[in-house]
Amino acid sequence: MSAIQTNVEAASASYAASFTKGHLALPPAKKYLVLTCMDARIDPAQAFGIELGDAHVIRNAGASAVDALRSVVISQQLLGTTEVVLVKHTGCGMLTFKNEDAYQVVGKQLGQAALDELTEKKLDFLPFPELEKAVVEDVEFLRASKLVAESVVISGWVYEVETGKTRRVV
């Protein structure tokens, strides 16, 4: 077992020893979801005031609405959420490359077969060059989608990894 696996096992045992929230309902109590980046410097519960059972938290590279759409639809249509809080962040890795760069790295590190698979699947890594513009575009994408009800409240934010502050963009 790796050191990470050992840590997971020990942390789980410690958490379970005092766990008292097994009664919480499946749908989030406050009927909203947070879409944010997978960046390890973001602790959504602490940074955005989310208690266990309050909200769905969807995380992916760059807090991409395109990448998260499947989860957003499930959250809203099957589990009753009525609001989306989209949060991108400063210093995001998605600001640092283009699709071509990612393809080159994959080809170099994993070989031609992996590069061929990326090309065949036409995988878009969804990088973005401008942070606030990307927030606006993702909010507009969700608002324009027929898969998201017009009544859903959607807002876009930027979390500052340097200060811990979150500011509204749209």
N, C-alpha and C. Protein backbone atom coordinates (compact mmCIF):
# COMPACT_ATOMS: atom_id res chain seq x y z
N MET A 1 0.85 -1.18 0.00
CA MET A 1 0.00 0.00 0.00
C MET A 1 0.90 1.24 0.00
N SER A 2 0.53 2.22 -0.84
CA SER A 2 1.32 3.45 -0.91
C SER A 2 1.09 4.30 0.34
N ALA A 3 1.94 5.30 0.53
CA ALA A 3 1.80 6.21 1.67
C ALA A 3 0.48 6.98 1.57
N ILE A 4 0.08 7.32 0.37
CA ILE A 4 -1.19 8.03 0.18
C ILE A 4 -2.35 7.14 0.62
N GLN A 5 -2.34 5.88 0.20
CA GLN A 5 -3.40 4.94 0.56
C GLN A 5 -3.45 4.71 2.07
N THR A 6 -2.30 4.63 2.68
CA THR A 6 -2.23 4.46 4.13
C THR A 6 -2.84 5.67 4.83
N ASN A 7 -2.56 6.86 4.31
CA ASN A 7 -3.12 8.09 4.87
C ASN A 7 -4.64 8.11 4.71
N VAL A 8 -5.13 7.72 3.53
CA VAL A 8 -6.58 7.68 3.30
C VAL A 8 -7.25 6.74 4.29
N GLU A 9 -6.67 5.58 4.46
CA GLU A 9 -7.23 4.59 5.39
C GLU A 9 -7.27 5.12 6.82
N ALA A 10 -6.18 5.73 7.28
CA ALA A 10 -6.11 6.26 8.64
C ALA A 10 -7.08 7.44 8.82
N ALA A 11 -7.11 8.35 7.83
CA ALA A 11 -8.01 9.50 7.92
C ALA A 11 -9.46 9.05 7.93
N SER A 12 -9.79 8.04 7.13
CA SER A 12 -11.15 7.52 7.09
C SER A 12 -11.56 6.94 8.44
N ALA A 13 -10.68 6.19 9.04
CA ALA A 13 -10.98 5.60 10.35
C ALA A 13 -11.21 6.69 11.39
N SER A 14 -10.38 7.72 11.38
CA SER A 14 -10.52 8.82 12.33
C SER A 14 -11.82 9.59 12.10
N TYR A 15 -12.13 9.89 10.84
CA TYR A 15 -13.35 10.62 10.48
C TYR A 15 -14.59 9.82 10.87
N ALA A 16 -14.60 8.55 10.54
CA ALA A 16 -15.75 7.69 10.82
C ALA A 16 -16.00 7.52 12.30
N ALA A 17 -14.96 7.60 13.11
CA ALA A 17 -15.10 7.40 14.55
C ALA A 17 -16.01 8.44 15.20
N SER A 18 -16.07 9.64 14.62
CA SER A 18 -16.93 10.68 15.20
C SER A 18 -17.99 11.17 14.22
N PHE A 19 -18.21 10.42 13.14
CA PHE A 19 -19.15 10.82 12.11
C PHE A 19 -20.59 10.71 12.59
N THR A 20 -21.37 11.79 12.41
CA THR A 20 -22.77 11.80 12.86
C THR A 20 -23.73 12.31 11.78
N LYS A 21 -23.26 12.37 10.55
CA LYS A 21 -24.08 12.98 9.50
C LYS A 21 -24.68 11.97 8.52
N GLY A 22 -24.74 10.72 8.87
CA GLY A 22 -25.25 9.69 7.98
C GLY A 22 -26.73 9.83 7.65
N HIS A 23 -27.43 10.67 8.35
CA HIS A 23 -28.86 10.87 8.15
C HIS A 23 -29.18 11.91 7.07
N LEU A 24 -28.18 12.61 6.56
CA LEU A 24 -28.44 13.67 5.59
C LEU A 24 -29.10 13.12 4.33
N ALA A 25 -30.00 13.91 3.76
CA ALA A 25 -30.71 13.52 2.55
C ALA A 25 -29.80 13.57 1.33
N LEU A 26 -30.13 12.82 0.31
CA LEU A 26 -29.36 12.81 -0.94
C LEU A 26 -29.35 14.18 -1.62
N PRO A 27 -30.48 14.83 -1.84
CA PRO A 27 -30.44 16.15 -2.47
C PRO A 27 -29.79 17.17 -1.54
N PRO A 28 -29.04 18.11 -2.07
CA PRO A 28 -28.43 19.13 -1.22
C PRO A 28 -29.48 20.02 -0.55
N ALA A 29 -29.31 20.23 0.73
CA ALA A 29 -30.30 20.96 1.53
C ALA A 29 -30.53 22.39 1.06
N LYS A 30 -29.49 23.05 0.59
CA LYS A 30 -29.63 24.45 0.17
C LYS A 30 -29.85 24.59 -1.33
N LYS A 31 -30.00 23.48 -2.03
CA LYS A 31 -30.42 23.44 -3.43
C LYS A 31 -29.54 24.24 -4.40
N TYR A 32 -28.22 24.21 -4.16
CA TYR A 32 -27.32 24.84 -5.11
C TYR A 32 -26.11 23.96 -5.37
N LEU A 33 -25.40 24.32 -6.43
CA LEU A 33 -24.16 23.61 -6.72
C LEU A 33 -23.06 24.64 -6.96
N VAL A 34 -21.87 24.23 -6.59
CA VAL A 34 -20.68 25.04 -6.83
C VAL A 34 -19.85 24.29 -7.86
N LEU A 35 -19.49 24.97 -8.92
CA LEU A 35 -18.58 24.43 -9.92
C LEU A 35 -17.27 25.18 -9.78
N THR A 36 -16.23 24.46 -9.40
CA THR A 36 -14.93 25.10 -9.22
C THR A 36 -13.82 24.21 -9.75
N CYS A 37 -12.63 24.71 -9.70
CA CYS A 37 -11.47 24.01 -10.25
C CYS A 37 -11.01 22.91 -9.31
N MET A 38 -10.30 21.95 -9.89
CA MET A 38 -9.74 20.85 -9.10
C MET A 38 -8.46 21.25 -8.37
N ASP A 39 -8.01 22.48 -8.55
CA ASP A 39 -6.77 22.95 -7.96
C ASP A 39 -6.72 22.65 -6.46
N ALA A 40 -5.63 22.07 -6.02
CA ALA A 40 -5.48 21.64 -4.63
C ALA A 40 -5.41 22.81 -3.65
N ARG A 41 -5.25 24.02 -4.15
CA ARG A 41 -5.20 25.20 -3.27
C ARG A 41 -6.57 25.74 -2.91
N ILE A 42 -7.62 25.12 -3.44
CA ILE A 42 -8.98 25.57 -3.16
C ILE A 42 -9.67 24.55 -2.25
N ASP A 43 -10.16 25.00 -1.12
CA ASP A 43 -10.96 24.18 -0.22
C ASP A 43 -12.38 24.75 -0.29
N PRO A 44 -13.22 24.21 -1.18
CA PRO A 44 -14.54 24.81 -1.39
C PRO A 44 -15.38 24.95 -0.12
N ALA A 45 -15.34 23.97 0.74
CA ALA A 45 -16.15 24.05 1.96
C ALA A 45 -15.74 25.25 2.80
N GLN A 46 -14.46 25.41 3.00
CA GLN A 46 -13.97 26.54 3.82
C GLN A 46 -14.11 27.87 3.10
N ALA A 47 -13.69 27.91 1.83
CA ALA A 47 -13.66 29.17 1.10
C ALA A 47 -15.04 29.72 0.78
N PHE A 48 -16.02 28.83 0.58
CA PHE A 48 -17.34 29.26 0.14
C PHE A 48 -18.44 28.97 1.17
N GLY A 49 -18.05 28.57 2.38
CA GLY A 49 -19.01 28.38 3.47
C GLY A 49 -20.00 27.25 3.25
N ILE A 50 -19.51 26.13 2.78
CA ILE A 50 -20.38 24.99 2.49
C ILE A 50 -20.28 23.96 3.61
N GLU A 51 -21.40 23.69 4.24
CA GLU A 51 -21.46 22.65 5.26
C GLU A 51 -21.83 21.33 4.58
N LEU A 52 -21.48 20.23 5.20
CA LEU A 52 -21.80 18.91 4.67
C LEU A 52 -23.31 18.81 4.44
N GLY A 53 -23.70 18.42 3.25
CA GLY A 53 -25.11 18.26 2.92
C GLY A 53 -25.76 19.49 2.30
N ASP A 54 -25.06 20.64 2.30
CA ASP A 54 -25.63 21.88 1.78
C ASP A 54 -25.74 21.93 0.27
N ALA A 55 -24.66 21.52 -0.43
CA ALA A 55 -24.54 21.79 -1.86
C ALA A 55 -23.76 20.68 -2.57
N HIS A 56 -23.98 20.59 -3.85
CA HIS A 56 -23.11 19.75 -4.68
C HIS A 56 -21.86 20.56 -5.00
N VAL A 57 -20.73 19.92 -5.02
CA VAL A 57 -19.48 20.56 -5.44
C VAL A 57 -18.94 19.76 -6.61
N ILE A 58 -18.87 20.42 -7.76
CA ILE A 58 -18.35 19.80 -8.98
C ILE A 58 -16.99 20.42 -9.23
N ARG A 59 -15.99 19.56 -9.39
CA ARG A 59 -14.63 20.07 -9.62
C ARG A 59 -14.06 19.45 -10.88
N ASN A 60 -13.43 20.27 -11.68
CA ASN A 60 -12.70 19.80 -12.85
C ASN A 60 -11.61 20.82 -13.18
N ALA A 61 -10.75 20.47 -14.10
CA ALA A 61 -9.67 21.38 -14.50
C ALA A 61 -10.26 22.66 -15.06
N GLY A 62 -10.01 23.78 -14.41
CA GLY A 62 -10.46 25.08 -14.89
C GLY A 62 -11.89 25.45 -14.57
N ALA A 63 -12.59 24.65 -13.79
CA ALA A 63 -14.01 24.92 -13.48
C ALA A 63 -14.80 25.08 -14.77
N SER A 64 -14.59 24.17 -15.70
CA SER A 64 -15.22 24.25 -17.02
C SER A 64 -16.69 23.85 -16.99
N ALA A 65 -17.55 24.78 -17.42
CA ALA A 65 -18.98 24.48 -17.51
C ALA A 65 -19.24 23.44 -18.59
N VAL A 66 -18.48 23.49 -19.68
CA VAL A 66 -18.64 22.51 -20.76
C VAL A 66 -18.36 21.11 -20.23
N ASP A 67 -17.27 20.97 -19.51
CA ASP A 67 -16.87 19.67 -18.96
C ASP A 67 -17.84 19.19 -17.87
N ALA A 68 -18.46 20.12 -17.16
CA ALA A 68 -19.33 19.78 -16.03
C ALA A 68 -20.80 19.64 -16.39
N LEU A 69 -21.16 19.89 -17.62
CA LEU A 69 -22.59 19.96 -17.98
C LEU A 69 -23.36 18.71 -17.56
N ARG A 70 -22.80 17.54 -17.77
CA ARG A 70 -23.49 16.30 -17.38
C ARG A 70 -23.83 16.32 -15.89
N SER A 71 -22.88 16.70 -15.07
CA SER A 71 -23.11 16.75 -13.62
C SER A 71 -24.10 17.85 -13.24
N VAL A 72 -24.05 18.97 -13.94
CA VAL A 72 -24.99 20.06 -13.68
C VAL A 72 -26.42 19.59 -13.96
N VAL A 73 -26.62 18.91 -15.07
CA VAL A 73 -27.96 18.42 -15.43
C VAL A 73 -28.45 17.42 -14.37
N ILE A 74 -27.60 16.50 -13.96
CA ILE A 74 -27.99 15.52 -12.93
C ILE A 74 -28.34 16.24 -11.64
N SER A 75 -27.51 17.19 -11.24
CA SER A 75 -27.74 17.94 -10.00
C SER A 75 -29.10 18.65 -10.02
N GLN A 76 -29.42 19.26 -11.15
CA GLN A 76 -30.66 20.03 -11.24
C GLN A 76 -31.87 19.15 -11.50
N GLN A 77 -31.79 18.31 -12.50
CA GLN A 77 -32.97 17.56 -12.93
C GLN A 77 -33.30 16.37 -12.03
N LEU A 78 -32.31 15.74 -11.46
CA LEU A 78 -32.56 14.57 -10.62
C LEU A 78 -32.49 14.87 -9.13
N LEU A 79 -31.80 15.95 -8.76
CA LEU A 79 -31.59 16.20 -7.33
C LEU A 79 -32.01 17.59 -6.88
N GLY A 80 -32.65 18.35 -7.77
CA GLY A 80 -33.37 19.55 -7.37
C GLY A 80 -32.61 20.82 -7.11
N THR A 81 -31.35 20.94 -7.56
CA THR A 81 -30.67 22.21 -7.33
C THR A 81 -31.22 23.28 -8.27
N THR A 82 -31.20 24.52 -7.79
CA THR A 82 -31.80 25.62 -8.53
C THR A 82 -30.86 26.81 -8.71
N GLU A 83 -29.60 26.63 -8.32
CA GLU A 83 -28.63 27.71 -8.46
C GLU A 83 -27.25 27.14 -8.74
N VAL A 84 -26.47 27.87 -9.56
CA VAL A 84 -25.10 27.49 -9.87
C VAL A 84 -24.18 28.64 -9.47
N VAL A 85 -23.16 28.32 -8.71
CA VAL A 85 -22.11 29.27 -8.36
C VAL A 85 -20.84 28.75 -9.04
N LEU A 86 -20.42 29.42 -10.10
CA LEU A 86 -19.24 29.01 -10.86
C LEU A 86 -18.04 29.82 -10.37
N VAL A 87 -16.98 29.14 -9.96
CA VAL A 87 -15.82 29.82 -9.39
C VAL A 87 -14.53 29.36 -10.05
N LYS A 88 -13.92 30.24 -10.84
CA LYS A 88 -12.58 30.00 -11.37
C LYS A 88 -11.60 30.68 -10.42
N HIS A 89 -10.30 30.61 -10.71
CA HIS A 89 -9.35 31.18 -9.74
C HIS A 89 -8.09 31.74 -10.40
N THR A 90 -7.46 32.63 -9.67
CA THR A 90 -6.19 33.19 -10.12
C THR A 90 -5.13 32.09 -10.12
N GLY A 91 -4.14 32.27 -10.96
CA GLY A 91 -3.05 31.31 -11.01
C GLY A 91 -3.45 29.93 -11.53
N CYS A 92 -4.53 29.86 -12.29
CA CYS A 92 -5.02 28.58 -12.80
C CYS A 92 -4.09 28.04 -13.89
N GLY A 93 -3.82 26.76 -13.83
CA GLY A 93 -2.99 26.13 -14.85
C GLY A 93 -3.58 26.22 -16.24
N MET A 94 -4.90 26.34 -16.34
CA MET A 94 -5.56 26.40 -17.64
C MET A 94 -5.22 27.69 -18.40
N LEU A 95 -4.65 28.67 -17.69
CA LEU A 95 -4.22 29.92 -18.31
C LEU A 95 -2.84 29.79 -18.96
N THR A 96 -2.16 28.67 -18.74
CA THR A 96 -0.74 28.57 -19.08
C THR A 96 -0.42 27.78 -20.34
N PHE A 97 -1.42 27.24 -21.02
CA PHE A 97 -1.13 26.43 -22.20
C PHE A 97 -2.26 26.49 -23.20
N LYS A 98 -1.97 25.95 -24.39
CA LYS A 98 -2.98 25.79 -25.44
C LYS A 98 -3.13 24.29 -25.70
N ASN A 99 -4.19 23.92 -26.39
CA ASN A 99 -4.41 22.50 -26.71
C ASN A 99 -3.19 21.87 -27.36
N GLU A 100 -2.57 22.59 -28.29
CA GLU A 100 -1.41 22.05 -29.00
C GLU A 100 -0.30 21.69 -28.02
N ASP A 101 -0.11 22.52 -27.00
CA ASP A 101 0.92 22.26 -25.99
C ASP A 101 0.62 20.96 -25.24
N ALA A 102 -0.63 20.78 -24.85
CA ALA A 102 -1.02 19.57 -24.12
C ALA A 102 -0.83 18.33 -24.99
N TYR A 103 -1.20 18.43 -26.25
CA TYR A 103 -1.02 17.31 -27.17
C TYR A 103 0.47 16.94 -27.28
N GLN A 104 1.32 17.95 -27.39
CA GLN A 104 2.76 17.69 -27.50
C GLN A 104 3.30 17.00 -26.25
N VAL A 105 2.88 17.47 -25.09
CA VAL A 105 3.35 16.87 -23.83
C VAL A 105 2.90 15.42 -23.73
N VAL A 106 1.64 15.16 -24.06
CA VAL A 106 1.13 13.79 -24.01
C VAL A 106 1.91 12.90 -24.98
N GLY A 107 2.13 13.38 -26.17
CA GLY A 107 2.89 12.60 -27.15
C GLY A 107 4.30 12.30 -26.68
N LYS A 108 4.93 13.31 -26.10
CA LYS A 108 6.31 13.14 -25.62
C LYS A 108 6.38 12.18 -24.43
N GLN A 109 5.43 12.30 -23.51
CA GLN A 109 5.50 11.51 -22.27
C GLN A 109 4.84 10.14 -22.37
N LEU A 110 3.81 10.01 -23.20
CA LEU A 110 3.08 8.75 -23.28
C LEU A 110 3.21 8.03 -24.62
N GLY A 111 3.76 8.72 -25.60
CA GLY A 111 4.01 8.07 -26.88
C GLY A 111 2.95 8.30 -27.93
N GLN A 112 3.25 7.77 -29.11
CA GLN A 112 2.42 7.99 -30.28
C GLN A 112 1.00 7.43 -30.12
N ALA A 113 0.87 6.26 -29.49
CA ALA A 113 -0.46 5.66 -29.32
C ALA A 113 -1.38 6.58 -28.52
N ALA A 114 -0.85 7.21 -27.49
CA ALA A 114 -1.64 8.15 -26.69
C ALA A 114 -1.99 9.39 -27.51
N LEU A 115 -1.03 9.88 -28.26
CA LEU A 115 -1.28 11.05 -29.11
C LEU A 115 -2.33 10.73 -30.17
N ASP A 116 -2.26 9.53 -30.72
CA ASP A 116 -3.27 9.10 -31.70
C ASP A 116 -4.65 9.05 -31.07
N GLU A 117 -4.74 8.57 -29.84
CA GLU A 117 -6.03 8.51 -29.15
C GLU A 117 -6.59 9.92 -28.92
N LEU A 118 -5.73 10.86 -28.48
CA LEU A 118 -6.18 12.24 -28.30
C LEU A 118 -6.72 12.81 -29.61
N THR A 119 -5.98 12.56 -30.68
CA THR A 119 -6.37 13.07 -31.99
C THR A 119 -7.68 12.44 -32.45
N GLU A 120 -7.81 11.15 -32.27
CA GLU A 120 -9.03 10.43 -32.67
C GLU A 120 -10.24 10.95 -31.89
N LYS A 121 -10.06 11.17 -30.61
CA LYS A 121 -11.18 11.63 -29.77
C LYS A 121 -11.38 13.14 -29.85
N LYS A 122 -10.45 13.83 -30.50
CA LYS A 122 -10.52 15.29 -30.62
C LYS A 122 -10.69 15.94 -29.24
N LEU A 123 -9.95 15.45 -28.28
CA LEU A 123 -10.08 15.95 -26.91
C LEU A 123 -9.66 17.42 -26.82
N ASP A 124 -10.54 18.22 -26.29
CA ASP A 124 -10.28 19.64 -26.05
C ASP A 124 -9.99 19.78 -24.57
N PHE A 125 -8.82 20.27 -24.22
CA PHE A 125 -8.47 20.44 -22.82
C PHE A 125 -9.12 21.69 -22.21
N LEU A 126 -9.76 22.48 -23.04
CA LEU A 126 -10.53 23.65 -22.63
C LEU A 126 -9.70 24.69 -21.87
N PRO A 127 -8.48 24.98 -22.36
CA PRO A 127 -7.70 26.04 -21.72
C PRO A 127 -8.32 27.39 -22.05
N PHE A 128 -7.93 28.42 -21.30
CA PHE A 128 -8.43 29.76 -21.58
C PHE A 128 -7.33 30.78 -21.30
N PRO A 129 -7.24 31.83 -22.13
CA PRO A 129 -6.16 32.81 -21.97
C PRO A 129 -6.49 33.97 -21.01
N GLU A 130 -7.79 34.21 -20.77
CA GLU A 130 -8.20 35.34 -19.92
C GLU A 130 -9.19 34.87 -18.87
N LEU A 131 -8.84 35.05 -17.61
CA LEU A 131 -9.62 34.51 -16.49
C LEU A 131 -11.05 35.06 -16.43
N GLU A 132 -11.20 36.35 -16.32
CA GLU A 132 -12.55 36.91 -16.16
C GLU A 132 -13.41 36.66 -17.39
N LYS A 133 -12.81 36.72 -18.56
CA LYS A 133 -13.55 36.44 -19.80
C LYS A 133 -14.04 34.98 -19.78
N ALA A 134 -13.22 34.08 -19.29
CA ALA A 134 -13.62 32.67 -19.21
C ALA A 134 -14.78 32.47 -18.23
N VAL A 135 -14.79 33.22 -17.14
CA VAL A 135 -15.92 33.16 -16.20
C VAL A 135 -17.20 33.58 -16.91
N VAL A 136 -17.14 34.71 -17.58
CA VAL A 136 -18.31 35.23 -18.30
C VAL A 136 -18.78 34.23 -19.36
N GLU A 137 -17.85 33.68 -20.13
CA GLU A 137 -18.21 32.74 -21.19
C GLU A 137 -18.85 31.47 -20.64
N ASP A 138 -18.35 30.96 -19.51
CA ASP A 138 -18.95 29.76 -18.93
C ASP A 138 -20.33 30.04 -18.37
N VAL A 139 -20.53 31.20 -17.76
CA VAL A 139 -21.86 31.56 -17.27
C VAL A 139 -22.82 31.69 -18.45
N GLU A 140 -22.37 32.33 -19.52
CA GLU A 140 -23.20 32.47 -20.72
C GLU A 140 -23.51 31.11 -21.34
N PHE A 141 -22.53 30.20 -21.34
CA PHE A 141 -22.76 28.85 -21.86
C PHE A 141 -23.88 28.16 -21.09
N LEU A 142 -23.85 28.23 -19.77
CA LEU A 142 -24.90 27.59 -18.96
C LEU A 142 -26.24 28.27 -19.17
N ARG A 143 -26.25 29.58 -19.23
CA ARG A 143 -27.51 30.30 -19.45
C ARG A 143 -28.12 29.99 -20.81
N ALA A 144 -27.29 29.75 -21.81
CA ALA A 144 -27.77 29.48 -23.16
C ALA A 144 -28.18 28.02 -23.37
N SER A 145 -27.74 27.14 -22.49
CA SER A 145 -28.02 25.72 -22.67
C SER A 145 -29.49 25.40 -22.42
N LYS A 146 -30.07 24.63 -23.32
CA LYS A 146 -31.45 24.16 -23.15
C LYS A 146 -31.53 23.11 -22.04
N LEU A 147 -30.38 22.62 -21.59
CA LEU A 147 -30.33 21.62 -20.52
C LEU A 147 -30.37 22.24 -19.13
N VAL A 148 -30.32 23.57 -19.08
CA VAL A 148 -30.38 24.29 -17.81
C VAL A 148 -31.64 25.15 -17.85
N ALA A 149 -32.51 24.96 -16.88
CA ALA A 149 -33.78 25.71 -16.86
C ALA A 149 -33.52 27.21 -16.76
N GLU A 150 -34.35 27.99 -17.43
CA GLU A 150 -34.21 29.46 -17.40
C GLU A 150 -34.33 30.01 -15.98
N SER A 151 -35.01 29.30 -15.11
CA SER A 151 -35.21 29.78 -13.74
C SER A 151 -33.98 29.60 -12.84
N VAL A 152 -32.99 28.84 -13.32
CA VAL A 152 -31.78 28.60 -12.52
C VAL A 152 -30.97 29.88 -12.41
N VAL A 153 -30.60 30.23 -11.19
CA VAL A 153 -29.77 31.40 -10.92
C VAL A 153 -28.31 30.98 -11.13
N ILE A 154 -27.59 31.75 -11.96
CA ILE A 154 -26.20 31.41 -12.28
C ILE A 154 -25.33 32.64 -12.04
N SER A 155 -24.28 32.46 -11.26
CA SER A 155 -23.34 33.55 -11.03
C SER A 155 -21.92 33.06 -11.27
N GLY A 156 -21.02 34.01 -11.57
CA GLY A 156 -19.63 33.67 -11.84
C GLY A 156 -18.69 34.46 -10.95
N TRP A 157 -17.68 33.78 -10.44
CA TRP A 157 -16.79 34.35 -9.43
C TRP A 157 -15.34 34.02 -9.74
N VAL A 158 -14.43 34.77 -9.11
CA VAL A 158 -13.00 34.47 -9.14
C VAL A 158 -12.51 34.36 -7.70
N TYR A 159 -11.89 33.22 -7.40
CA TYR A 159 -11.25 33.01 -6.11
C TYR A 159 -9.79 33.37 -6.25
N GLU A 160 -9.28 34.18 -5.34
CA GLU A 160 -7.88 34.59 -5.37
C GLU A 160 -7.07 33.66 -4.48
N VAL A 161 -6.25 32.80 -5.10
CA VAL A 161 -5.48 31.84 -4.31
C VAL A 161 -4.45 32.55 -3.43
N GLU A 162 -4.09 33.76 -3.80
CA GLU A 162 -3.09 34.51 -3.02
C GLU A 162 -3.66 35.07 -1.71
N THR A 163 -4.96 35.39 -1.70
CA THR A 163 -5.56 36.06 -0.53
C THR A 163 -6.68 35.25 0.13
N GLY A 164 -7.25 34.28 -0.60
CA GLY A 164 -8.39 33.53 -0.08
C GLY A 164 -9.71 34.24 -0.31
N LYS A 165 -9.70 35.41 -0.95
CA LYS A 165 -10.92 36.16 -1.20
C LYS A 165 -11.59 35.68 -2.48
N THR A 166 -12.91 35.78 -2.51
CA THR A 166 -13.70 35.45 -3.69
C THR A 166 -14.47 36.71 -4.10
N ARG A 167 -14.39 37.04 -5.38
CA ARG A 167 -15.09 38.24 -5.87
C ARG A 167 -15.99 37.87 -7.04
N ARG A 168 -17.13 38.53 -7.06
CA ARG A 168 -18.11 38.26 -8.11
C ARG A 168 -17.70 38.94 -9.41
N VAL A 169 -17.84 38.22 -10.52
CA VAL A 169 -17.56 38.76 -11.84
C VAL A 169 -18.87 39.03 -12.57
N VAL A 170 -19.78 38.05 -12.50
CA VAL A 170 -21.07 38.19 -13.17
C VAL A 170 -22.14 37.46 -12.38
